[in-house]
């Protein structure tokens, strides 16, 4: 599959300019938060992911289950997924996944997409959308069981409210932290590399567990 014009240059432009590419004055309806775990956990991890990113798919399929069991299920980490489309097709996929603005449906659809993500042709998948001549048609067939129909797709793509909400989040984090790649992770607001994620989380947990120093009170006789 040949991707259309990359979006990553828009993120870079958002960093270089004093104003993000998507005008913050434009009213965008925020999308629901895709979160896992206890919102009051001491450590908050945000993953910025693209649905056409090999490393993003690898993390979610192979590494996240263990990460979730170790950190999220134990109440130490609240984990959030945010779209960070790196090309126009990944943006299109995110918009389709957000049909109905339902978190459960978003997770179901995006999981099906990454399960069938096969850019290296090294596994057998039922819906090889990456290598298809008409990937959108394969995506439609893949997601039909989740309520997506052919009649829905074009109106979804024409509705700028979801697109604007996705891009506003991506451009904001790109502008604030200089993120211009996927996957990107923040641990309590600090940008970290994927390979350093567990180390950064352990450090943040340790810092949160450390008791605050008690101020000494001097008395005079």
Protein backbone atom coordinates (compact mmCIF):
# COMPACT_ATOMS: atom_id res chain seq x y z
CA UNK A 1 0.00 0.00 0.00
CA UNK A 2 1.30 3.45 -0.85
CA UNK A 3 0.60 6.05 1.81
CA UNK A 4 -0.48 9.56 0.92
CA UNK A 5 1.26 12.78 1.93
CA UNK A 6 2.96 12.30 5.31
CA UNK A 7 1.46 14.18 8.24
CA UNK A 8 4.61 14.16 10.29
CA UNK A 9 5.77 17.38 8.61
CA UNK A 10 2.70 19.11 10.03
CA UNK A 11 3.80 18.08 13.51
CA UNK A 12 7.26 19.47 12.80
CA UNK A 13 5.75 22.71 11.53
CA UNK A 14 3.75 22.90 14.75
CA UNK A 15 7.00 22.77 16.69
CA UNK A 16 8.78 25.34 14.55
CA UNK A 17 6.01 27.90 14.47
CA UNK A 18 4.78 30.01 17.33
CA UNK A 19 1.22 28.88 16.56
CA UNK A 20 0.17 25.25 15.92
CA UNK A 21 -1.00 24.38 12.40
CA UNK A 22 -4.52 23.69 13.63
CA UNK A 23 -5.76 27.02 14.94
CA UNK A 24 -6.47 26.58 18.63
CA UNK A 25 -9.23 29.16 18.30
CA UNK A 26 -11.18 26.75 16.12
CA UNK A 27 -13.76 24.94 18.21
CA UNK A 28 -12.99 21.21 18.36
CA UNK A 29 -15.05 18.70 20.25
CA UNK A 30 -12.69 16.64 22.39
CA UNK A 31 -12.73 12.90 21.98
CA UNK A 32 -13.33 10.63 24.99
CA UNK A 33 -10.26 9.60 26.95
CA UNK A 34 -8.99 6.08 26.23
CA UNK A 35 -7.65 5.13 29.64
CA UNK A 36 -6.68 1.97 31.47
CA UNK A 37 -6.50 1.60 35.24
CA UNK A 38 -7.04 3.87 38.20
CA UNK A 39 -7.24 7.58 37.32
CA UNK A 40 -5.80 8.38 40.76
CA UNK A 41 -2.67 6.23 40.22
CA UNK A 42 0.54 8.07 41.14
CA UNK A 43 2.01 7.68 37.65
CA UNK A 44 0.33 8.71 34.42
CA UNK A 45 1.64 7.28 31.16
CA UNK A 46 0.41 8.53 27.78
CA UNK A 47 1.17 6.63 24.57
CA UNK A 48 0.94 8.59 21.34
CA UNK A 49 0.39 6.00 18.63
CA UNK A 50 -0.19 5.73 14.91
CA UNK A 51 -2.23 2.93 13.34
CA UNK A 52 0.29 2.59 10.51
CA UNK A 53 3.31 2.40 12.84
CA UNK A 54 5.12 -0.94 13.10
CA UNK A 55 6.61 -0.20 16.54
CA UNK A 56 3.26 1.02 17.88
CA UNK A 57 1.59 -2.24 16.84
CA UNK A 58 4.47 -4.24 18.30
CA UNK A 59 4.17 -2.50 21.67
CA UNK A 60 0.40 -2.88 21.89
CA UNK A 61 0.34 -6.53 20.82
CA UNK A 62 3.52 -7.86 22.42
CA UNK A 63 4.54 -5.57 25.29
CA UNK A 64 1.45 -3.87 26.63
CA UNK A 65 -0.18 -7.00 28.18
CA UNK A 66 2.86 -7.51 30.44
CA UNK A 67 3.15 -3.76 31.12
CA UNK A 68 -0.53 -3.63 32.04
CA UNK A 69 -0.26 -6.60 34.39
CA UNK A 70 2.82 -5.19 36.14
CA UNK A 71 1.87 -1.53 36.43
CA UNK A 72 -1.74 -0.80 35.50
CA UNK A 73 -3.53 -3.72 37.17
CA UNK A 74 -1.57 -3.11 40.38
CA UNK A 75 -2.82 0.49 40.61
CA UNK A 76 0.58 2.08 40.04
CA UNK A 77 -0.04 3.51 36.56
CA UNK A 78 -2.92 5.11 34.72
CA UNK A 79 -2.30 4.48 31.01
CA UNK A 80 -3.80 6.62 28.24
CA UNK A 81 -3.82 6.05 24.47
CA UNK A 82 -3.85 9.07 22.14
CA UNK A 83 -3.84 9.15 18.36
CA UNK A 84 -0.69 10.54 16.75
CA UNK A 85 -1.19 9.94 13.02
CA UNK A 86 2.07 9.93 11.08
CA UNK A 87 0.52 9.84 7.60
CA UNK A 88 -2.82 10.57 6.01
CA UNK A 89 -3.96 6.95 6.01
CA UNK A 90 -3.33 6.57 9.74
CA UNK A 91 -5.45 9.69 10.25
CA UNK A 92 -8.20 8.16 8.12
CA UNK A 93 -8.04 4.94 10.19
CA UNK A 94 -8.28 6.87 13.45
CA UNK A 95 -11.33 8.77 12.21
CA UNK A 96 -13.06 5.54 11.19
CA UNK A 97 -12.25 3.93 14.55
CA UNK A 98 -13.83 6.90 16.33
CA UNK A 99 -17.20 6.47 14.57
CA UNK A 100 -19.82 7.04 17.25
CA UNK A 101 -17.13 8.44 19.60
CA UNK A 102 -17.33 5.26 21.68
CA UNK A 103 -14.20 4.15 23.56
CA UNK A 104 -15.05 0.43 23.54
CA UNK A 105 -15.71 0.49 19.78
CA UNK A 106 -12.54 2.52 19.22
CA UNK A 107 -10.49 -0.10 21.08
CA UNK A 108 -12.19 -2.98 19.28
CA UNK A 109 -11.63 -1.44 15.85
CA UNK A 110 -8.07 -0.29 16.42
CA UNK A 111 -7.14 -3.70 17.84
CA UNK A 112 -8.49 -5.46 14.76
CA UNK A 113 -6.47 -3.09 12.59
CA UNK A 114 -3.17 -3.75 14.36
CA UNK A 115 -3.86 -7.50 14.52
CA UNK A 116 -4.01 -7.45 10.72
CA UNK A 117 -1.07 -5.06 10.32
CA UNK A 118 1.42 -6.99 8.19
CA UNK A 119 3.82 -4.60 6.39
CA UNK A 120 6.64 -7.16 6.26
CA UNK A 121 4.35 -9.95 5.00
CA UNK A 122 5.82 -12.19 7.69
CA UNK A 123 2.58 -13.56 9.11
CA UNK A 124 -0.75 -14.81 7.90
CA UNK A 125 -3.60 -12.37 8.45
CA UNK A 126 -7.24 -12.54 7.39
CA UNK A 127 -7.44 -8.93 6.20
CA UNK A 128 -4.11 -7.76 4.77
CA UNK A 129 -5.06 -4.11 4.40
CA UNK A 130 -1.46 -2.86 4.29
CA UNK A 131 -0.62 -4.70 1.08
CA UNK A 132 -4.05 -4.37 -0.55
CA UNK A 133 -4.63 -2.39 -3.74
CA UNK A 134 -7.69 -0.80 -2.12
CA UNK A 135 -6.90 -0.72 1.61
CA UNK A 136 -10.01 1.23 2.60
CA UNK A 137 -12.25 -1.48 1.17
CA UNK A 138 -10.36 -4.13 3.16
CA UNK A 139 -10.64 -2.01 6.31
CA UNK A 140 -14.38 -1.71 5.71
CA UNK A 141 -14.68 -5.48 5.46
CA UNK A 142 -12.47 -5.95 8.53
CA UNK A 143 -14.54 -3.58 10.65
CA UNK A 144 -17.98 -4.58 9.43
CA UNK A 145 -18.60 -6.65 12.56
CA UNK A 146 -18.02 -3.52 14.66
CA UNK A 147 -20.78 -1.56 12.94
CA UNK A 148 -18.82 0.09 10.11
CA UNK A 149 -20.54 0.13 6.70
CA UNK A 150 -19.46 1.49 3.34
CA UNK A 151 -22.14 4.18 3.56
CA UNK A 152 -20.62 5.48 6.81
CA UNK A 153 -17.01 5.94 5.74
CA UNK A 154 -17.14 8.96 3.43
CA UNK A 155 -19.43 11.00 5.72
CA UNK A 156 -17.06 10.19 8.59
CA UNK A 157 -14.08 11.42 6.60
CA UNK A 158 -15.99 14.53 5.54
CA UNK A 159 -16.85 15.38 9.17
CA UNK A 160 -13.96 17.59 10.22
CA UNK A 161 -14.81 17.56 13.93
CA UNK A 162 -13.13 14.19 14.62
CA UNK A 163 -10.16 15.01 12.39
CA UNK A 164 -9.67 18.39 14.06
CA UNK A 165 -9.83 16.84 17.54
CA UNK A 166 -7.22 14.21 16.61
CA UNK A 167 -4.86 16.68 14.98
CA UNK A 168 -5.24 19.28 17.72
CA UNK A 169 -4.05 16.76 20.33
CA UNK A 170 -1.16 15.62 18.12
CA UNK A 171 -0.03 19.12 17.22
CA UNK A 172 -0.30 20.31 20.81
CA UNK A 173 2.00 17.58 22.13
CA UNK A 174 4.30 18.08 19.16
CA UNK A 175 4.52 21.79 19.89
CA UNK A 176 4.91 21.46 23.66
CA UNK A 177 7.35 18.53 23.88
CA UNK A 178 8.87 18.34 20.41
CA UNK A 179 7.34 14.95 19.69
CA UNK A 180 7.58 14.18 15.97
CA UNK A 181 7.63 10.39 15.93
CA UNK A 182 5.54 7.43 16.99
CA UNK A 183 5.28 5.77 19.33
CA UNK A 184 5.89 8.53 21.82
CA UNK A 185 5.44 8.13 25.58
CA UNK A 186 5.17 10.58 28.42
CA UNK A 187 5.60 9.59 32.06
CA UNK A 188 4.03 12.17 34.35
CA UNK A 189 4.36 14.66 31.52
CA UNK A 190 7.98 13.92 30.59
CA UNK A 191 8.78 12.51 27.13
CA UNK A 192 10.61 9.17 27.17
CA UNK A 193 11.76 6.67 24.54
CA UNK A 194 9.92 3.36 24.27
CA UNK A 195 13.03 1.41 25.30
CA UNK A 196 13.32 3.52 28.45
CA UNK A 197 9.64 3.35 29.39
CA UNK A 198 9.79 0.77 32.18
CA UNK A 199 12.86 2.41 33.71
CA UNK A 200 11.14 5.80 33.68
CA UNK A 201 7.96 4.33 35.19
CA UNK A 202 9.93 2.60 37.96
CA UNK A 203 11.69 5.87 38.74
CA UNK A 204 8.38 7.77 38.86
CA UNK A 205 6.81 5.15 41.13
CA UNK A 206 9.80 5.29 43.47
CA UNK A 207 9.58 9.09 43.58
CA UNK A 208 5.85 8.93 44.32
CA UNK A 209 6.42 6.43 47.14
CA UNK A 210 9.13 8.54 48.76
CA UNK A 211 7.71 10.29 51.83
CA UNK A 212 7.77 14.07 51.74
CA UNK A 213 10.44 15.57 54.03
CA UNK A 214 9.04 16.85 57.27
CA UNK A 215 9.87 20.43 58.13
CA UNK A 216 11.58 20.82 61.47
CA UNK A 217 10.04 23.22 63.93
CA UNK A 218 12.45 25.15 66.12
CA UNK A 219 11.29 26.13 69.55
CA UNK A 220 12.73 28.83 71.72
CA UNK A 221 12.91 28.63 75.47
